[in-house]
Protein backbone atom coordinates (compact mmCIF):
# COMPACT_ATOMS: atom_id res chain seq x y z
CA MET A 1 -23.83 5.15 1.35
CA TYR A 2 -23.65 6.50 4.72
CA VAL A 3 -21.85 9.80 5.78
CA ILE A 4 -21.30 11.03 9.68
CA LEU A 5 -20.90 14.68 9.38
CA GLY A 6 -19.14 16.94 12.07
CA LEU A 7 -18.11 13.60 14.18
CA LEU A 8 -14.25 13.85 15.61
CA VAL A 9 -14.09 10.55 16.00
CA ILE A 10 -11.93 9.19 12.73
CA PHE A 11 -11.36 6.24 10.72
CA THR A 12 -8.41 5.69 9.33
CA GLY A 13 -5.09 3.01 9.66
CA CYS A 14 -5.63 -0.71 9.70
CA PRO A 15 -4.03 -1.35 12.57
CA LYS A 16 0.04 -3.22 13.52
CA THR A 17 -2.46 -6.18 14.67
CA PRO A 18 -6.09 -7.78 14.64
CA LEU A 19 -7.89 -7.78 17.44
CA GLY A 20 -8.51 -11.52 19.01
CA GLY A 21 -11.45 -12.97 20.33
CA GLU A 22 -10.97 -13.50 24.38
CA ASN A 23 -9.80 -16.96 23.62
CA THR A 24 -8.05 -16.56 20.23
CA LYS A 25 -4.23 -18.27 20.86
CA PRO A 26 -2.86 -18.33 17.41
CA LYS A 27 0.47 -19.16 16.19
CA GLY A 28 2.72 -16.05 14.93
CA MET A 29 5.84 -15.26 13.67
CA MET A 30 7.46 -11.48 13.09
CA TYR A 31 10.32 -10.22 10.78
CA PHE A 32 11.59 -7.43 10.50
CA SER A 33 13.46 -8.23 6.47
CA PHE A 34 11.08 -7.25 3.85
CA PHE A 35 9.92 -3.76 2.51
CA ASP A 36 11.32 -1.49 5.87
CA THR A 37 8.26 -2.20 7.67
CA VAL A 38 7.16 -5.06 10.41
CA SER A 39 5.67 -8.20 9.06
CA TYR A 40 3.66 -11.13 11.43
CA VAL A 41 1.68 -14.04 10.26
CA TYR A 42 -0.81 -15.28 12.27
CA SER A 43 -2.13 -18.50 12.24
CA TYR A 44 -5.83 -19.60 13.88
CA ALA A 45 -5.35 -22.75 11.59
CA GLY A 46 -4.95 -25.06 14.54
CA ASP A 47 -1.59 -26.81 12.40
CA THR A 48 1.39 -27.99 14.76
CA ASP A 49 4.17 -26.26 14.95
CA GLU A 50 5.98 -27.82 11.82
CA GLU A 51 2.80 -26.93 9.94
CA PHE A 52 3.12 -23.10 10.69
CA LYS A 53 7.12 -23.37 10.31
CA ASN A 54 7.18 -24.96 6.51
CA LYS A 55 4.35 -21.98 5.90
CA CYS A 56 5.55 -19.03 7.39
CA ALA A 57 9.41 -20.37 5.84
CA GLN A 58 7.44 -20.11 1.83
CA VAL A 59 5.61 -16.58 3.02
CA SER A 60 9.50 -15.71 4.41
CA ASP A 61 10.41 -16.50 0.65
CA THR A 62 7.92 -15.22 -1.03
CA LEU A 63 8.03 -11.45 0.35
CA GLY A 64 11.50 -11.10 0.35
CA HIS A 65 11.40 -12.32 -3.10
CA TYR A 66 9.38 -9.40 -4.03
CA HIS A 67 11.30 -7.27 -1.77
CA GLU A 68 14.10 -7.72 -3.62
CA LEU A 69 12.43 -7.17 -7.23
CA PHE A 70 10.90 -3.68 -6.14
CA ASP A 71 13.83 -2.49 -4.37
CA ILE A 72 14.50 1.01 -6.16
CA TYR A 73 17.81 2.19 -3.30
CA TYR A 74 19.59 -1.39 -3.53
CA GLU A 75 20.89 -4.08 -6.29
CA TYR A 76 21.27 -7.54 -5.26
CA SER A 77 23.02 -10.05 -6.66
CA GLY A 78 22.07 -12.26 -9.50
CA VAL A 79 18.90 -9.97 -9.11
CA ASN A 80 17.72 -7.43 -12.10
CA ASN A 81 15.16 -5.35 -10.18
CA LEU A 82 13.66 -1.84 -10.24
CA LYS A 83 16.78 -0.05 -9.86
CA THR A 84 18.91 -1.47 -12.61
CA ILE A 85 15.92 -0.83 -14.89
CA ASN A 86 15.89 2.92 -13.40
CA ASP A 87 20.00 2.89 -13.65
CA ASN A 88 19.30 2.31 -17.12
CA ALA A 89 16.54 4.69 -18.27
CA GLY A 90 17.20 5.89 -21.60
CA GLN A 91 20.07 3.65 -22.18
CA ASN A 92 19.33 0.04 -22.16
CA PRO A 93 16.42 -2.43 -22.15
CA VAL A 94 16.72 -4.66 -18.75
CA LYS A 95 16.47 -8.64 -18.82
CA VAL A 96 14.00 -9.22 -15.60
CA ASP A 97 12.10 -12.13 -14.04
CA LYS A 98 8.84 -12.96 -15.23
CA GLU A 99 7.51 -11.93 -12.04
CA LEU A 100 8.84 -8.73 -12.60
CA ILE A 101 6.51 -8.82 -15.86
CA ASP A 102 3.90 -9.56 -14.74
CA PHE A 103 3.49 -7.06 -12.18
CA LEU A 104 4.49 -3.67 -14.12
CA VAL A 105 2.26 -5.31 -16.75
CA TYR A 106 -0.57 -4.83 -13.48
CA ALA A 107 0.36 -1.72 -12.83
CA LYS A 108 0.26 -0.14 -16.27
CA GLN A 109 -3.54 -1.65 -16.07
CA LEU A 110 -4.27 -0.37 -12.86
CA TYR A 111 -2.92 3.69 -14.35
CA THR A 112 -5.84 3.48 -16.54
CA LEU A 113 -8.09 2.05 -14.21
CA THR A 114 -7.48 4.63 -11.70
CA ASN A 115 -7.61 7.69 -14.64
CA GLY A 116 -3.71 8.16 -14.00
CA GLU A 117 -3.52 8.45 -10.21
CA MET A 118 -2.40 5.20 -9.50
CA ASN A 119 0.92 6.00 -11.95
CA VAL A 120 4.53 3.85 -11.32
CA MET A 121 6.46 6.51 -13.05
CA MET A 122 5.94 9.40 -10.63
CA GLY A 123 9.30 8.48 -9.21
CA ALA A 124 11.27 11.86 -10.57
CA VAL A 125 7.99 13.67 -8.63
CA LEU A 126 8.82 11.90 -5.44
CA LYS A 127 12.16 11.37 -5.22
CA PRO A 128 12.87 15.42 -4.38
CA TRP A 129 9.66 14.52 -1.44
CA HIS A 130 11.44 11.78 -0.48
CA ASP A 131 15.08 12.95 -0.18
CA ALA A 132 13.43 16.36 1.52
CA ARG A 133 11.85 14.17 4.25
CA VAL A 134 14.87 12.51 4.68
CA ASN A 135 16.46 15.65 4.91
CA ALA A 136 14.23 17.18 7.82
CA LYS A 137 14.40 13.56 9.80
CA GLU A 138 18.65 14.28 9.93
CA ASN A 139 18.76 18.09 9.80
CA PRO A 140 15.00 19.56 11.23
CA SER A 141 16.55 22.71 11.46
CA GLN A 142 17.39 22.55 7.93
CA ALA A 143 13.81 21.29 6.79
CA ALA A 144 12.46 22.32 3.20
CA ILE A 145 10.11 21.04 0.77
CA PRO A 146 10.92 21.32 -2.52
CA ASP A 147 10.89 24.23 -4.92
CA GLU A 148 8.35 24.88 -7.35
CA GLN A 149 10.25 24.88 -10.66
CA THR A 150 12.36 21.29 -8.98
CA LEU A 151 8.92 19.63 -9.06
CA LEU A 152 7.17 20.84 -12.61
CA GLN A 153 10.60 19.67 -14.28
CA ALA A 154 10.29 16.36 -12.40
CA SER A 155 6.36 16.22 -13.84
CA LEU A 156 7.71 16.29 -17.11
CA HIS A 157 9.10 13.18 -16.82
CA THR A 158 6.65 10.76 -15.79
CA ASP A 159 4.51 9.36 -18.62
CA ILE A 160 3.29 5.60 -18.22
CA ASN A 161 3.97 5.62 -21.78
CA SER A 162 7.81 5.61 -21.27
CA LEU A 163 7.88 2.71 -19.44
CA ILE A 164 8.39 -0.29 -22.03
CA ILE A 165 7.80 -3.96 -21.60
CA ASP A 166 8.40 -6.54 -23.85
CA GLU A 167 6.63 -9.01 -22.85
CA GLU A 168 8.19 -11.75 -25.23
CA ASN A 169 11.68 -10.79 -24.36
CA GLN A 170 11.57 -10.29 -20.88
CA THR A 171 12.68 -6.93 -20.71
CA VAL A 172 12.16 -3.87 -19.28
CA PHE A 173 13.27 -0.13 -20.99
CA ILE A 174 12.41 3.16 -19.37
CA SER A 175 12.99 5.58 -22.83
CA ASP A 176 12.69 8.56 -21.42
CA PRO A 177 16.42 9.11 -19.14
CA LEU A 178 15.10 11.49 -16.64
CA ALA A 179 12.44 9.42 -15.81
CA SER A 180 12.03 6.72 -13.13
CA ILE A 181 10.31 3.85 -11.38
CA ASP A 182 8.15 4.17 -7.69
CA VAL A 183 6.20 1.52 -6.70
CA GLY A 184 5.67 2.38 -2.59
CA ALA A 185 1.88 2.52 -3.85
CA LEU A 186 1.84 -0.49 -5.14
CA GLY A 187 4.17 -2.89 -4.44
CA LYS A 188 4.18 -3.96 -0.81
CA GLY A 189 0.55 -4.89 -1.33
CA TYR A 190 1.28 -6.95 -4.65
CA ALA A 191 3.64 -8.93 -2.34
CA THR A 192 1.21 -9.66 0.23
CA GLN A 193 -1.63 -11.00 -1.77
CA LYS A 194 1.54 -13.30 -3.38
CA ALA A 195 2.02 -14.80 0.25
CA ALA A 196 -1.57 -15.19 0.71
CA ASP A 197 -2.11 -17.25 -2.97
CA LEU A 198 0.57 -19.51 -1.12
CA LEU A 199 -1.45 -20.07 1.19
CA ARG A 200 -4.27 -20.58 -0.65
CA GLN A 201 -3.25 -22.54 -2.57
CA GLN A 202 -1.84 -24.77 0.48
CA ASN A 203 -5.77 -24.93 1.56
CA ALA A 204 -4.54 -22.77 4.43
CA ASP A 205 -7.37 -21.11 6.80
CA GLY A 206 -7.51 -19.10 9.40
CA TYR A 207 -4.16 -17.34 8.52
CA VAL A 208 -3.63 -13.36 8.68
CA LEU A 209 -0.77 -11.66 7.04
CA ASN A 210 -0.08 -8.00 7.96
CA ILE A 211 2.90 -6.74 5.90
CA GLY A 212 3.20 -3.20 7.64
CA GLY A 213 -0.29 -2.65 8.34
CA ASN A 214 -0.77 -4.11 4.97
CA ILE A 215 -4.04 -6.82 6.25
CA CYS A 216 -4.52 -9.62 4.37
CA THR A 217 -6.96 -11.99 5.83
CA ILE A 218 -7.45 -16.07 4.77
CA GLY A 219 -10.50 -17.84 5.98
CA LYS A 220 -11.82 -17.30 9.09
CA LYS A 221 -11.66 -17.76 12.50
CA PRO A 222 -12.05 -21.89 13.75
CA ASP A 223 -15.52 -20.25 15.59
CA GLY A 224 -17.12 -19.05 12.05
CA SER A 225 -15.95 -15.14 12.92
CA GLY A 226 -13.90 -12.62 11.36
CA TRP A 227 -11.47 -10.96 12.59
CA LYS A 228 -11.66 -7.52 14.49
CA THR A 229 -9.48 -5.06 12.90
CA GLY A 230 -9.40 -1.72 14.11
CA ILE A 231 -8.96 1.64 12.00
CA LYS A 232 -6.63 4.38 13.09
CA ASP A 233 -7.65 7.45 14.16
CA PRO A 234 -5.40 9.66 12.69
CA PHE A 235 -5.95 12.81 14.81
CA ASN A 236 -5.99 10.36 17.67
CA SER A 237 -2.99 7.63 17.91
CA GLU A 238 -3.85 6.03 21.47
CA GLN A 239 -7.29 5.25 19.32
CA PHE A 240 -9.17 3.83 17.39
CA ALA A 241 -12.12 5.87 14.90
CA ILE A 242 -13.95 2.44 13.98
CA VAL A 243 -13.71 -1.50 14.61
CA LEU A 244 -14.57 -4.13 12.18
CA GLU A 245 -15.17 -7.29 11.46
CA ILE A 246 -13.33 -9.35 8.47
CA SER A 247 -13.02 -11.92 6.93
CA ASP A 248 -11.31 -13.20 4.01
CA VAL A 249 -10.02 -9.87 2.40
CA ALA A 250 -7.66 -7.44 2.46
CA CYS A 251 -7.28 -4.14 4.46
CA VAL A 252 -5.59 -1.31 3.29
CA THR A 253 -4.71 2.41 4.74
CA SER A 254 -3.54 5.08 3.53
CA GLY A 255 -2.76 7.86 6.16
CA ASP A 256 -1.06 11.22 6.45
CA TYR A 257 -0.05 10.75 9.84
CA GLU A 258 3.29 7.88 9.82
CA ARG A 259 5.61 9.12 6.98
CA PHE A 260 5.48 13.13 6.69
CA PHE A 261 7.82 15.80 7.98
CA THR A 262 7.25 19.36 9.30
CA VAL A 263 8.23 22.85 8.15
CA GLY A 264 7.04 26.30 9.89
CA GLY A 265 4.89 24.60 11.38
CA LYS A 266 2.77 22.86 8.94
CA LYS A 267 2.76 19.17 8.40
CA TYR A 268 3.61 17.78 4.67
CA HIS A 269 3.02 13.50 3.95
CA HIS A 270 4.28 11.63 1.48
CA ILE A 271 1.06 11.06 -0.85
CA ILE A 272 1.03 13.38 -3.00
CA ASP A 273 -1.25 14.71 -5.55
CA LYS A 274 -0.08 14.56 -9.34
CA ASP A 275 -2.08 17.85 -10.32
CA THR A 276 -0.89 19.41 -7.80
CA LEU A 277 2.76 18.10 -7.23
CA MET A 278 1.96 18.60 -3.36
CA PRO A 279 0.72 16.60 -0.70
CA SER A 280 -2.95 15.71 -1.22
CA THR A 281 -5.83 17.55 1.46
CA TYR A 282 -8.53 16.08 0.62
CA PHE A 283 -8.29 13.39 3.42
CA SER A 284 -6.48 12.68 6.66
CA SER A 285 -7.20 8.17 5.44
CA VAL A 286 -8.57 6.35 2.83
CA THR A 287 -8.74 2.47 4.18
CA ILE A 288 -9.78 -0.14 1.24
CA LEU A 289 -11.66 -3.69 2.09
CA THR A 290 -11.42 -5.56 -1.34
CA ALA A 291 -10.45 -9.10 -2.12
CA ASP A 292 -6.79 -8.78 -3.69
CA SER A 293 -4.33 -6.90 -1.67
CA GLY A 294 -2.38 -5.16 -4.37
CA LEU A 295 -5.96 -3.38 -5.66
CA ALA A 296 -6.64 -1.96 -2.09
CA ASP A 297 -3.05 -0.79 -1.56
CA ALA A 298 -2.88 0.72 -5.28
CA LEU A 299 -6.80 2.35 -4.49
CA SER A 300 -6.42 3.61 -1.25
CA THR A 301 -3.32 6.01 -2.86
CA ALA A 302 -5.72 6.69 -5.71
CA LEU A 303 -8.55 7.66 -3.54
CA PHE A 304 -6.47 9.48 -1.32
CA ALA A 305 -5.68 11.92 -4.06
CA MET A 306 -9.29 12.26 -5.30
CA SER A 307 -12.30 14.08 -4.04
CA TYR A 308 -14.98 11.68 -2.47
CA GLU A 309 -17.26 12.42 -5.49
CA ASP A 310 -14.48 10.57 -8.16
CA GLY A 311 -13.49 8.52 -5.25
CA LEU A 312 -16.92 6.81 -4.85
CA LYS A 313 -17.53 6.63 -8.97
CA LEU A 314 -14.16 4.54 -9.29
CA VAL A 315 -15.16 1.96 -6.77
CA ASN A 316 -18.82 2.26 -8.13
CA GLN A 317 -17.66 0.86 -11.33
CA ILE A 318 -15.15 -1.61 -9.84
CA GLY A 319 -17.41 -3.12 -7.84
CA ASN A 320 -16.54 -5.81 -4.48
CA VAL A 321 -14.37 -2.40 -2.78
CA GLN A 322 -15.31 -0.71 0.42
CA VAL A 323 -14.07 1.97 1.78
CA VAL A 324 -13.60 4.11 4.35
CA TRP A 325 -12.85 7.96 4.22
CA ILE A 326 -11.39 10.67 6.92
CA THR A 327 -11.70 14.17 5.44
CA THR A 328 -8.92 16.85 7.40
CA ASP A 329 -11.77 18.07 9.24
CA GLY A 330 -12.86 15.42 10.50
CA VAL A 331 -15.80 13.93 8.20
CA GLN A 332 -15.90 10.33 7.81
CA TYR A 333 -17.76 8.41 4.91
CA TYR A 334 -18.23 4.84 4.21
CA THR A 335 -19.70 2.92 1.80
CA ASP A 336 -23.18 0.44 2.08
CA GLY A 337 -21.44 -2.53 2.94
CA ILE A 338 -19.23 -1.50 6.13
CA GLN A 339 -22.08 -0.82 8.09
CA ALA A 340 -22.79 -4.50 7.95
CA LEU A 341 -18.57 -5.02 9.59
CA ILE A 342 -18.70 -2.17 12.40
CA ARG A 343 -17.83 -3.96 15.90
CA LYS A 344 -18.30 -2.05 19.03
């Protein structure tokens, strides 16, 4: 375990694009339609234009499908999605696609794995914070945080056991009428992994997916090297805190510097501590490297709201997970495997 104390050269956030080598000329495709973010597909594999186009079309279809399933704000013709489930809370079970069943089963497993830190039933608490952030953006002079009583009442409706999944009949039911699902800490990473799995099934090698900063590398570059990926400095957006060379792994960061609003000169970000019901104050960013993008997404949020000691204990229990932590005062921690990946 390496610990770097007192430095203001800080780690955080996987970048908008991987940093290629000098002679790397990948094919690339950009999308704006998924998960309210920009998505990229890169190929270093030497595919023909037609091969690359076909693979991109399949990635796009996969991301689009999960985007619709995981949407909590909009419904889509012929699709019962998370909004449909939330709208029927306390009323009726909802028949859904098997992909959504599998996802929610996995989400409940992650709840257990993270001791409740990754809880998709936090929707009742996250909604007032979301609404406050939207209001602050639209009416800065009226920006305000949710009041304590609202949050305390909402916290009574976050029980994971209110999410009832009937795998045999393929239905989902929220038994608490005031509870709701929010998968912002998991959905994008899970969908990214499904797209990566599809590419691997086609023996793709030398591909990079960057879905709104959720990076998933598939294989290596033709010369056998990996991709240099900069982790953003949360205190200086113009520089990277650290550059890592990665291959065949997912890289996901949760940080306090992208989605936030300000009230009375104080910044309030979007990662809410389940115990305080306020934005977590342990770290400015947490970056996870592991084989599965869904797990990386979930752990980046879970560890963000845990002490360094508890987070380290958890990743050691899971295994095959590397982490870069940056505290709010610039202290950097990282797991043993990070040292071998650092590049200048």
